[in-house]
Amino acid sequence: MNWDRIQGNWKQVAGKVKTQWGQLTDDDLDIVAGHREQLAGKIQERYGIAREEAVKQLDAWQHTADEAWFTAAPAP
């Protein structure tokens, strides 16, 4: 998935980020606002891992993104 697409739909994707990295706060996600480098930095900070590891995790997570992340659930 293209990062521009993730960034452009950040409010929808933020929940997926919190699911993956539960130690990130809502304030962290507001500050990051879809910026990939800032997100990697927050992951690094919250989890006490090397920058390279944070970027590796972010790359893997980004590859799991699909169109379902950006579509609203159908009304019951």
PDB file of N, CA and C in Angstrom:
ATOM      1  N   MET A   1       0.853  -1.174   0.000  1.00  0.00           N
ATOM      2  CA  MET A   1       0.000   0.000   0.000  1.00  0.00           C
ATOM      3  C   MET A   1       0.894   1.231   0.000  1.00  0.00           C
ATOM      4  N   ASN A   2       0.528   2.191  -0.767  1.00  0.00           N
ATOM      5  CA  ASN A   2       1.248   3.451  -0.878  1.00  0.00           C
ATOM      6  C   ASN A   2       1.061   4.270   0.405  1.00  0.00           C
ATOM      7  N   TRP A   3       2.167   4.802   0.958  1.00  0.00           N
ATOM      8  CA  TRP A   3       2.068   5.558   2.208  1.00  0.00           C
ATOM      9  C   TRP A   3       1.213   6.810   2.046  1.00  0.00           C
ATOM     10  N   ASP A   4       1.219   7.423   0.876  1.00  0.00           N
ATOM     11  CA  ASP A   4       0.386   8.604   0.649  1.00  0.00           C
ATOM     12  C   ASP A   4      -1.081   8.289   0.910  1.00  0.00           C
ATOM     13  N   ARG A   5      -1.493   7.111   0.531  1.00  0.00           N
ATOM     14  CA  ARG A   5      -2.885   6.673   0.758  1.00  0.00           C
ATOM     15  C   ARG A   5      -3.157   6.528   2.257  1.00  0.00           C
ATOM     16  N   ILE A   6      -2.193   5.959   2.974  1.00  0.00           N
ATOM     17  CA  ILE A   6      -2.340   5.812   4.427  1.00  0.00           C
ATOM     18  C   ILE A   6      -2.401   7.183   5.083  1.00  0.00           C
ATOM     19  N   GLN A   7      -1.495   8.053   4.702  1.00  0.00           N
ATOM     20  CA  GLN A   7      -1.455   9.390   5.288  1.00  0.00           C
ATOM     21  C   GLN A   7      -2.738  10.163   4.989  1.00  0.00           C
ATOM     22  N   GLY A   8      -3.234  10.059   3.787  1.00  0.00           N
ATOM     23  CA  GLY A   8      -4.441  10.769   3.401  1.00  0.00           C
ATOM     24  C   GLY A   8      -5.688  10.288   4.116  1.00  0.00           C
ATOM     25  N   ASN A   9      -5.636   9.097   4.643  1.00  0.00           N
ATOM     26  CA  ASN A   9      -6.779   8.512   5.364  1.00  0.00           C
ATOM     27  C   ASN A   9      -6.405   8.225   6.813  1.00  0.00           C
ATOM     28  N   TRP A  10      -5.580   9.088   7.378  1.00  0.00           N
ATOM     29  CA  TRP A  10      -4.994   8.831   8.688  1.00  0.00           C
ATOM     30  C   TRP A  10      -6.037   8.572   9.769  1.00  0.00           C
ATOM     31  N   LYS A  11      -7.117   9.310   9.789  1.00  0.00           N
ATOM     32  CA  LYS A  11      -8.121   9.121  10.844  1.00  0.00           C
ATOM     33  C   LYS A  11      -8.712   7.713  10.804  1.00  0.00           C
ATOM     34  N   GLN A  12      -8.865   7.165   9.605  1.00  0.00           N
ATOM     35  CA  GLN A  12      -9.382   5.800   9.477  1.00  0.00           C
ATOM     36  C   GLN A  12      -8.320   4.768   9.867  1.00  0.00           C
ATOM     37  N   VAL A  13      -7.075   5.069   9.587  1.00  0.00           N
ATOM     38  CA  VAL A  13      -5.988   4.115   9.789  1.00  0.00           C
ATOM     39  C   VAL A  13      -5.452   4.150  11.216  1.00  0.00           C
ATOM     40  N   ALA A  14      -5.661   5.231  11.923  1.00  0.00           N
ATOM     41  CA  ALA A  14      -5.100   5.387  13.270  1.00  0.00           C
ATOM     42  C   ALA A  14      -5.491   4.232  14.192  1.00  0.00           C
ATOM     43  N   GLY A  15      -6.691   3.727  14.067  1.00  0.00           N
ATOM     44  CA  GLY A  15      -7.111   2.581  14.878  1.00  0.00           C
ATOM     45  C   GLY A  15      -6.289   1.338  14.581  1.00  0.00           C
ATOM     46  N   LYS A  16      -5.932   1.156  13.333  1.00  0.00           N
ATOM     47  CA  LYS A  16      -5.083   0.019  12.953  1.00  0.00           C
ATOM     48  C   LYS A  16      -3.693   0.173  13.562  1.00  0.00           C
ATOM     49  N   VAL A  17      -3.215   1.414  13.618  1.00  0.00           N
ATOM     50  CA  VAL A  17      -1.913   1.679  14.222  1.00  0.00           C
ATOM     51  C   VAL A  17      -1.953   1.330  15.704  1.00  0.00           C
ATOM     52  N   LYS A  18      -3.015   1.755  16.386  1.00  0.00           N
ATOM     53  CA  LYS A  18      -3.139   1.454  17.823  1.00  0.00           C
ATOM     54  C   LYS A  18      -3.281  -0.038  18.078  1.00  0.00           C
ATOM     55  N   THR A  19      -3.914  -0.744  17.165  1.00  0.00           N
ATOM     56  CA  THR A  19      -4.021  -2.193  17.311  1.00  0.00           C
ATOM     57  C   THR A  19      -2.636  -2.834  17.221  1.00  0.00           C
ATOM     58  N   GLN A  20      -1.835  -2.360  16.292  1.00  0.00           N
ATOM     59  CA  GLN A  20      -0.494  -2.913  16.086  1.00  0.00           C
ATOM     60  C   GLN A  20       0.468  -2.488  17.195  1.00  0.00           C
ATOM     61  N   TRP A  21       0.444  -1.222  17.568  1.00  0.00           N
ATOM     62  CA  TRP A  21       1.367  -0.675  18.563  1.00  0.00           C
ATOM     63  C   TRP A  21       0.552  -0.039  19.678  1.00  0.00           C
ATOM     64  N   GLY A  22       0.069  -0.861  20.590  1.00  0.00           N
ATOM     65  CA  GLY A  22      -0.835  -0.430  21.644  1.00  0.00           C
ATOM     66  C   GLY A  22      -0.262   0.566  22.631  1.00  0.00           C
ATOM     67  N   GLN A  23       1.059   0.693  22.685  1.00  0.00           N
ATOM     68  CA  GLN A  23       1.668   1.642  23.611  1.00  0.00           C
ATOM     69  C   GLN A  23       1.621   3.075  23.085  1.00  0.00           C
ATOM     70  N   LEU A  24       1.253   3.255  21.826  1.00  0.00           N
ATOM     71  CA  LEU A  24       1.107   4.599  21.289  1.00  0.00           C
ATOM     72  C   LEU A  24      -0.202   5.197  21.808  1.00  0.00           C
ATOM     73  N   THR A  25      -0.148   6.450  22.172  1.00  0.00           N
ATOM     74  CA  THR A  25      -1.330   7.123  22.712  1.00  0.00           C
ATOM     75  C   THR A  25      -2.081   7.855  21.596  1.00  0.00           C
ATOM     76  N   ASP A  26      -3.285   8.271  21.914  1.00  0.00           N
ATOM     77  CA  ASP A  26      -4.043   9.089  20.959  1.00  0.00           C
ATOM     78  C   ASP A  26      -3.290  10.387  20.654  1.00  0.00           C
ATOM     79  N   ASP A  27      -2.649  10.948  21.681  1.00  0.00           N
ATOM     80  CA  ASP A  27      -1.852  12.161  21.465  1.00  0.00           C
ATOM     81  C   ASP A  27      -0.697  11.890  20.505  1.00  0.00           C
ATOM     82  N   ASP A  28      -0.044  10.726  20.658  1.00  0.00           N
ATOM     83  CA  ASP A  28       1.034  10.359  19.731  1.00  0.00           C
ATOM     84  C   ASP A  28       0.515  10.345  18.302  1.00  0.00           C
ATOM     85  N   LEU A  29      -0.639   9.725  18.123  1.00  0.00           N
ATOM     86  CA  LEU A  29      -1.197   9.602  16.774  1.00  0.00           C
ATOM     87  C   LEU A  29      -1.615  10.946  16.210  1.00  0.00           C
ATOM     88  N   ASP A  30      -2.094  11.831  17.079  1.00  0.00           N
ATOM     89  CA  ASP A  30      -2.441  13.181  16.632  1.00  0.00           C
ATOM     90  C   ASP A  30      -1.193  13.945  16.191  1.00  0.00           C
ATOM     91  N   ILE A  31      -0.113  13.791  16.943  1.00  0.00           N
ATOM     92  CA  ILE A  31       1.141  14.462  16.610  1.00  0.00           C
ATOM     93  C   ILE A  31       1.710  13.920  15.309  1.00  0.00           C
ATOM     94  N   VAL A  32       1.693  12.612  15.154  1.00  0.00           N
ATOM     95  CA  VAL A  32       2.236  11.960  13.959  1.00  0.00           C
ATOM     96  C   VAL A  32       1.459  12.385  12.721  1.00  0.00           C
ATOM     97  N   ALA A  33       0.139  12.407  12.832  1.00  0.00           N
ATOM     98  CA  ALA A  33      -0.755  12.840  11.753  1.00  0.00           C
ATOM     99  C   ALA A  33      -0.422  12.214  10.401  1.00  0.00           C
ATOM    100  N   GLY A  34      -0.019  10.950  10.425  1.00  0.00           N
ATOM    101  CA  GLY A  34       0.220  10.237   9.170  1.00  0.00           C
ATOM    102  C   GLY A  34       1.619  10.350   8.611  1.00  0.00           C
ATOM    103  N   HIS A  35       2.495  11.076   9.266  1.00  0.00           N
ATOM    104  CA  HIS A  35       3.868  11.228   8.775  1.00  0.00           C
ATOM    105  C   HIS A  35       4.687  10.001   9.176  1.00  0.00           C
ATOM    106  N   ARG A  36       5.144   9.288   8.181  1.00  0.00           N
ATOM    107  CA  ARG A  36       5.802   7.991   8.388  1.00  0.00           C
ATOM    108  C   ARG A  36       7.038   8.084   9.281  1.00  0.00           C
ATOM    109  N   GLU A  37       7.902   9.055   9.041  1.00  0.00           N
ATOM    110  CA  GLU A  37       9.126   9.179   9.828  1.00  0.00           C
ATOM    111  C   GLU A  37       8.818   9.496  11.293  1.00  0.00           C
ATOM    112  N   GLN A  38       7.812  10.324  11.513  1.00  0.00           N
ATOM    113  CA  GLN A  38       7.419  10.635  12.891  1.00  0.00           C
ATOM    114  C   GLN A  38       6.822   9.410  13.571  1.00  0.00           C
ATOM    115  N   LEU A  39       6.054   8.618  12.826  1.00  0.00           N
ATOM    116  CA  LEU A  39       5.493   7.392  13.387  1.00  0.00           C
ATOM    117  C   LEU A  39       6.604   6.424  13.764  1.00  0.00           C
ATOM    118  N   ALA A  40       7.582   6.256  12.908  1.00  0.00           N
ATOM    119  CA  ALA A  40       8.720   5.385  13.227  1.00  0.00           C
ATOM    120  C   ALA A  40       9.414   5.875  14.489  1.00  0.00           C
ATOM    121  N   GLY A  41       9.567   7.180  14.631  1.00  0.00           N
ATOM    122  CA  GLY A  41      10.192   7.740  15.824  1.00  0.00           C
ATOM    123  C   GLY A  41       9.392   7.463  17.083  1.00  0.00           C
ATOM    124  N   LYS A  42       8.083   7.575  16.992  1.00  0.00           N
ATOM    125  CA  LYS A  42       7.226   7.300  18.155  1.00  0.00           C
ATOM    126  C   LYS A  42       7.270   5.821  18.525  1.00  0.00           C
ATOM    127  N   ILE A  43       7.294   4.954  17.529  1.00  0.00           N
ATOM    128  CA  ILE A  43       7.404   3.512  17.803  1.00  0.00           C
ATOM    129  C   ILE A  43       8.724   3.240  18.507  1.00  0.00           C
ATOM    130  N   GLN A  44       9.788   3.823  17.987  1.00  0.00           N
ATOM    131  CA  GLN A  44      11.118   3.664  18.583  1.00  0.00           C
ATOM    132  C   GLN A  44      11.114   4.135  20.043  1.00  0.00           C
ATOM    133  N   GLU A  45      10.542   5.291  20.273  1.00  0.00           N
ATOM    134  CA  GLU A  45      10.505   5.890  21.615  1.00  0.00           C
ATOM    135  C   GLU A  45       9.688   5.049  22.586  1.00  0.00           C
ATOM    136  N   ARG A  46       8.475   4.680  22.193  1.00  0.00           N
ATOM    137  CA  ARG A  46       7.582   3.956  23.110  1.00  0.00           C
ATOM    138  C   ARG A  46       8.043   2.527  23.412  1.00  0.00           C
ATOM    139  N   TYR A  47       8.679   1.893  22.436  1.00  0.00           N
ATOM    140  CA  TYR A  47       9.062   0.497  22.604  1.00  0.00           C
ATOM    141  C   TYR A  47      10.544   0.319  22.921  1.00  0.00           C
ATOM    142  N   GLY A  48      11.306   1.411  22.928  1.00  0.00           N
ATOM    143  CA  GLY A  48      12.726   1.328  23.269  1.00  0.00           C
ATOM    144  C   GLY A  48      13.514   0.457  22.317  1.00  0.00           C
ATOM    145  N   ILE A  49      13.211   0.573  21.025  1.00  0.00           N
ATOM    146  CA  ILE A  49      13.897  -0.236  20.019  1.00  0.00           C
ATOM    147  C   ILE A  49      14.717   0.671  19.104  1.00  0.00           C
ATOM    148  N   ALA A  50      15.604   0.057  18.354  1.00  0.00           N
ATOM    149  CA  ALA A  50      16.435   0.801  17.413  1.00  0.00           C
ATOM    150  C   ALA A  50      15.573   1.353  16.282  1.00  0.00           C
ATOM    151  N   ARG A  51      16.016   2.439  15.710  1.00  0.00           N
ATOM    152  CA  ARG A  51      15.302   3.073  14.594  1.00  0.00           C
ATOM    153  C   ARG A  51      15.081   2.079  13.465  1.00  0.00           C
ATOM    154  N   GLU A  52      16.113   1.298  13.154  1.00  0.00           N
ATOM    155  CA  GLU A  52      16.016   0.324  12.063  1.00  0.00           C
ATOM    156  C   GLU A  52      14.924  -0.711  12.334  1.00  0.00           C
ATOM    157  N   GLU A  53      14.794  -1.130  13.585  1.00  0.00           N
ATOM    158  CA  GLU A  53      13.750  -2.096  13.938  1.00  0.00           C
ATOM    159  C   GLU A  53      12.371  -1.466  13.816  1.00  0.00           C
ATOM    160  N   ALA A  54      12.238  -0.220  14.246  1.00  0.00           N
ATOM    161  CA  ALA A  54      10.954   0.476  14.130  1.00  0.00           C
ATOM    162  C   ALA A  54      10.550   0.598  12.663  1.00  0.00           C
ATOM    163  N   VAL A  55      11.494   0.946  11.807  1.00  0.00           N
ATOM    164  CA  VAL A  55      11.213   1.076  10.371  1.00  0.00           C
ATOM    165  C   VAL A  55      10.861  -0.288   9.783  1.00  0.00           C
ATOM    166  N   LYS A  56      11.546  -1.331  10.215  1.00  0.00           N
ATOM    167  CA  LYS A  56      11.255  -2.689   9.738  1.00  0.00           C
ATOM    168  C   LYS A  56       9.826  -3.102  10.111  1.00  0.00           C
ATOM    169  N   GLN A  57       9.435  -2.819  11.346  1.00  0.00           N
ATOM    170  CA  GLN A  57       8.070  -3.138  11.782  1.00  0.00           C
ATOM    171  C   GLN A  57       7.044  -2.330  10.985  1.00  0.00           C
ATOM    172  N   LEU A  58       7.352  -1.080  10.764  1.00  0.00           N
ATOM    173  CA  LEU A  58       6.451  -0.209  10.014  1.00  0.00           C
ATOM    174  C   LEU A  58       6.304  -0.680   8.565  1.00  0.00           C
ATOM    175  N   ASP A  59       7.403  -1.091   7.957  1.00  0.00           N
ATOM    176  CA  ASP A  59       7.353  -1.635   6.595  1.00  0.00           C
ATOM    177  C   ASP A  59       6.458  -2.868   6.529  1.00  0.00           C
ATOM    178  N   ALA A  60       6.641  -3.773   7.481  1.00  0.00           N
ATOM    179  CA  ALA A  60       5.834  -5.000   7.508  1.00  0.00           C
ATOM    180  C   ALA A  60       4.355  -4.667   7.700  1.00  0.00           C
ATOM    181  N   TRP A  61       4.062  -3.741   8.598  1.00  0.00           N
ATOM    182  CA  TRP A  61       2.681  -3.339   8.848  1.00  0.00           C
ATOM    183  C   TRP A  61       2.067  -2.705   7.604  1.00  0.00           C
ATOM    184  N   GLN A  62       2.835  -1.840   6.949  1.00  0.00           N
ATOM    185  CA  GLN A  62       2.345  -1.153   5.747  1.00  0.00           C
ATOM    186  C   GLN A  62       1.981  -2.160   4.659  1.00  0.00           C
ATOM    187  N   HIS A  63       2.727  -3.240   4.569  1.00  0.00           N
ATOM    188  CA  HIS A  63       2.454  -4.248   3.534  1.00  0.00           C
ATOM    189  C   HIS A  63       1.177  -5.029   3.809  1.00  0.00           C
ATOM    190  N   THR A  64       0.667  -4.947   5.045  1.00  0.00           N
ATOM    191  CA  THR A  64      -0.590  -5.648   5.349  1.00  0.00           C
ATOM    192  C   THR A  64      -1.808  -4.799   5.001  1.00  0.00           C
ATOM    193  N   ALA A  65      -1.580  -3.523   4.724  1.00  0.00           N
ATOM    194  CA  ALA A  65      -2.688  -2.610   4.413  1.00  0.00           C
ATOM    195  C   ALA A  65      -3.421  -3.054   3.154  1.00  0.00           C
ATOM    196  N   ASP A  66      -4.735  -2.946   3.195  1.00  0.00           N
ATOM    197  CA  ASP A  66      -5.529  -3.241   1.997  1.00  0.00           C
ATOM    198  C   ASP A  66      -6.710  -2.274   1.932  1.00  0.00           C
ATOM    199  N   GLU A  67      -7.436  -2.348   0.873  1.00  0.00           N
ATOM    200  CA  GLU A  67      -8.546  -1.411   0.639  1.00  0.00           C
ATOM    201  C   GLU A  67      -9.604  -1.460   1.732  1.00  0.00           C
ATOM    202  N   ALA A  68      -9.755  -2.588   2.394  1.00  0.00           N
ATOM    203  CA  ALA A  68     -10.763  -2.713   3.448  1.00  0.00           C
ATOM    204  C   ALA A  68     -10.508  -1.719   4.580  1.00  0.00           C
ATOM    205  N   TRP A  69      -9.258  -1.280   4.735  1.00  0.00           N
ATOM    206  CA  TRP A  69      -8.930  -0.301   5.782  1.00  0.00           C
ATOM    207  C   TRP A  69      -9.589   1.048   5.492  1.00  0.00           C
ATOM    208  N   PHE A  70      -9.907   1.309   4.241  1.00  0.00           N
ATOM    209  CA  PHE A  70     -10.370   2.628   3.842  1.00  0.00           C
ATOM    210  C   PHE A  70     -11.849   2.678   3.493  1.00  0.00           C
ATOM    211  N   THR A  71     -12.532   1.590   3.632  1.00  0.00           N
ATOM    212  CA  THR A  71     -13.952   1.566   3.305  1.00  0.00           C
ATOM    213  C   THR A  71     -14.758   1.435   4.574  1.00  0.00           C
ATOM    214  N   ALA A  72     -15.822   2.148   4.648  1.00  0.00           N
ATOM    215  CA  ALA A  72     -16.688   2.088   5.824  1.00  0.00           C
ATOM    216  C   ALA A  72     -17.418   0.750   5.837  1.00  0.00           C
ATOM    217  N   ALA A  73     -17.668   0.276   7.034  1.00  0.00           N
ATOM    218  CA  ALA A  73     -18.440  -0.957   7.168  1.00  0.00           C
ATOM    219  C   ALA A  73     -19.864  -0.705   6.705  1.00  0.00           C
ATOM    220  N   PRO A  74     -20.476  -1.656   6.013  1.00  0.00           N
ATOM    221  CA  PRO A  74     -21.862  -1.459   5.566  1.00  0.00           C
ATOM    222  C   PRO A  74     -22.819  -1.340   6.747  1.00  0.00           C
ATOM    223  N   ALA A  75     -23.828  -0.545   6.590  1.00  0.00           N
ATOM    224  CA  ALA A  75     -24.832  -0.374   7.630  1.00  0.00           C
ATOM    225  C   ALA A  75     -25.615  -1.659   7.801  1.00  0.00           C
ATOM    226  N   PRO A  76     -25.968  -1.993   9.052  1.00  0.00           N
ATOM    227  CA  PRO A  76     -26.728  -3.252   9.281  1.00  0.00           C
ATOM    228  C   PRO A  76     -28.135  -3.185   8.757  1.00  0.00           C
TER     229      PRO A  76
END
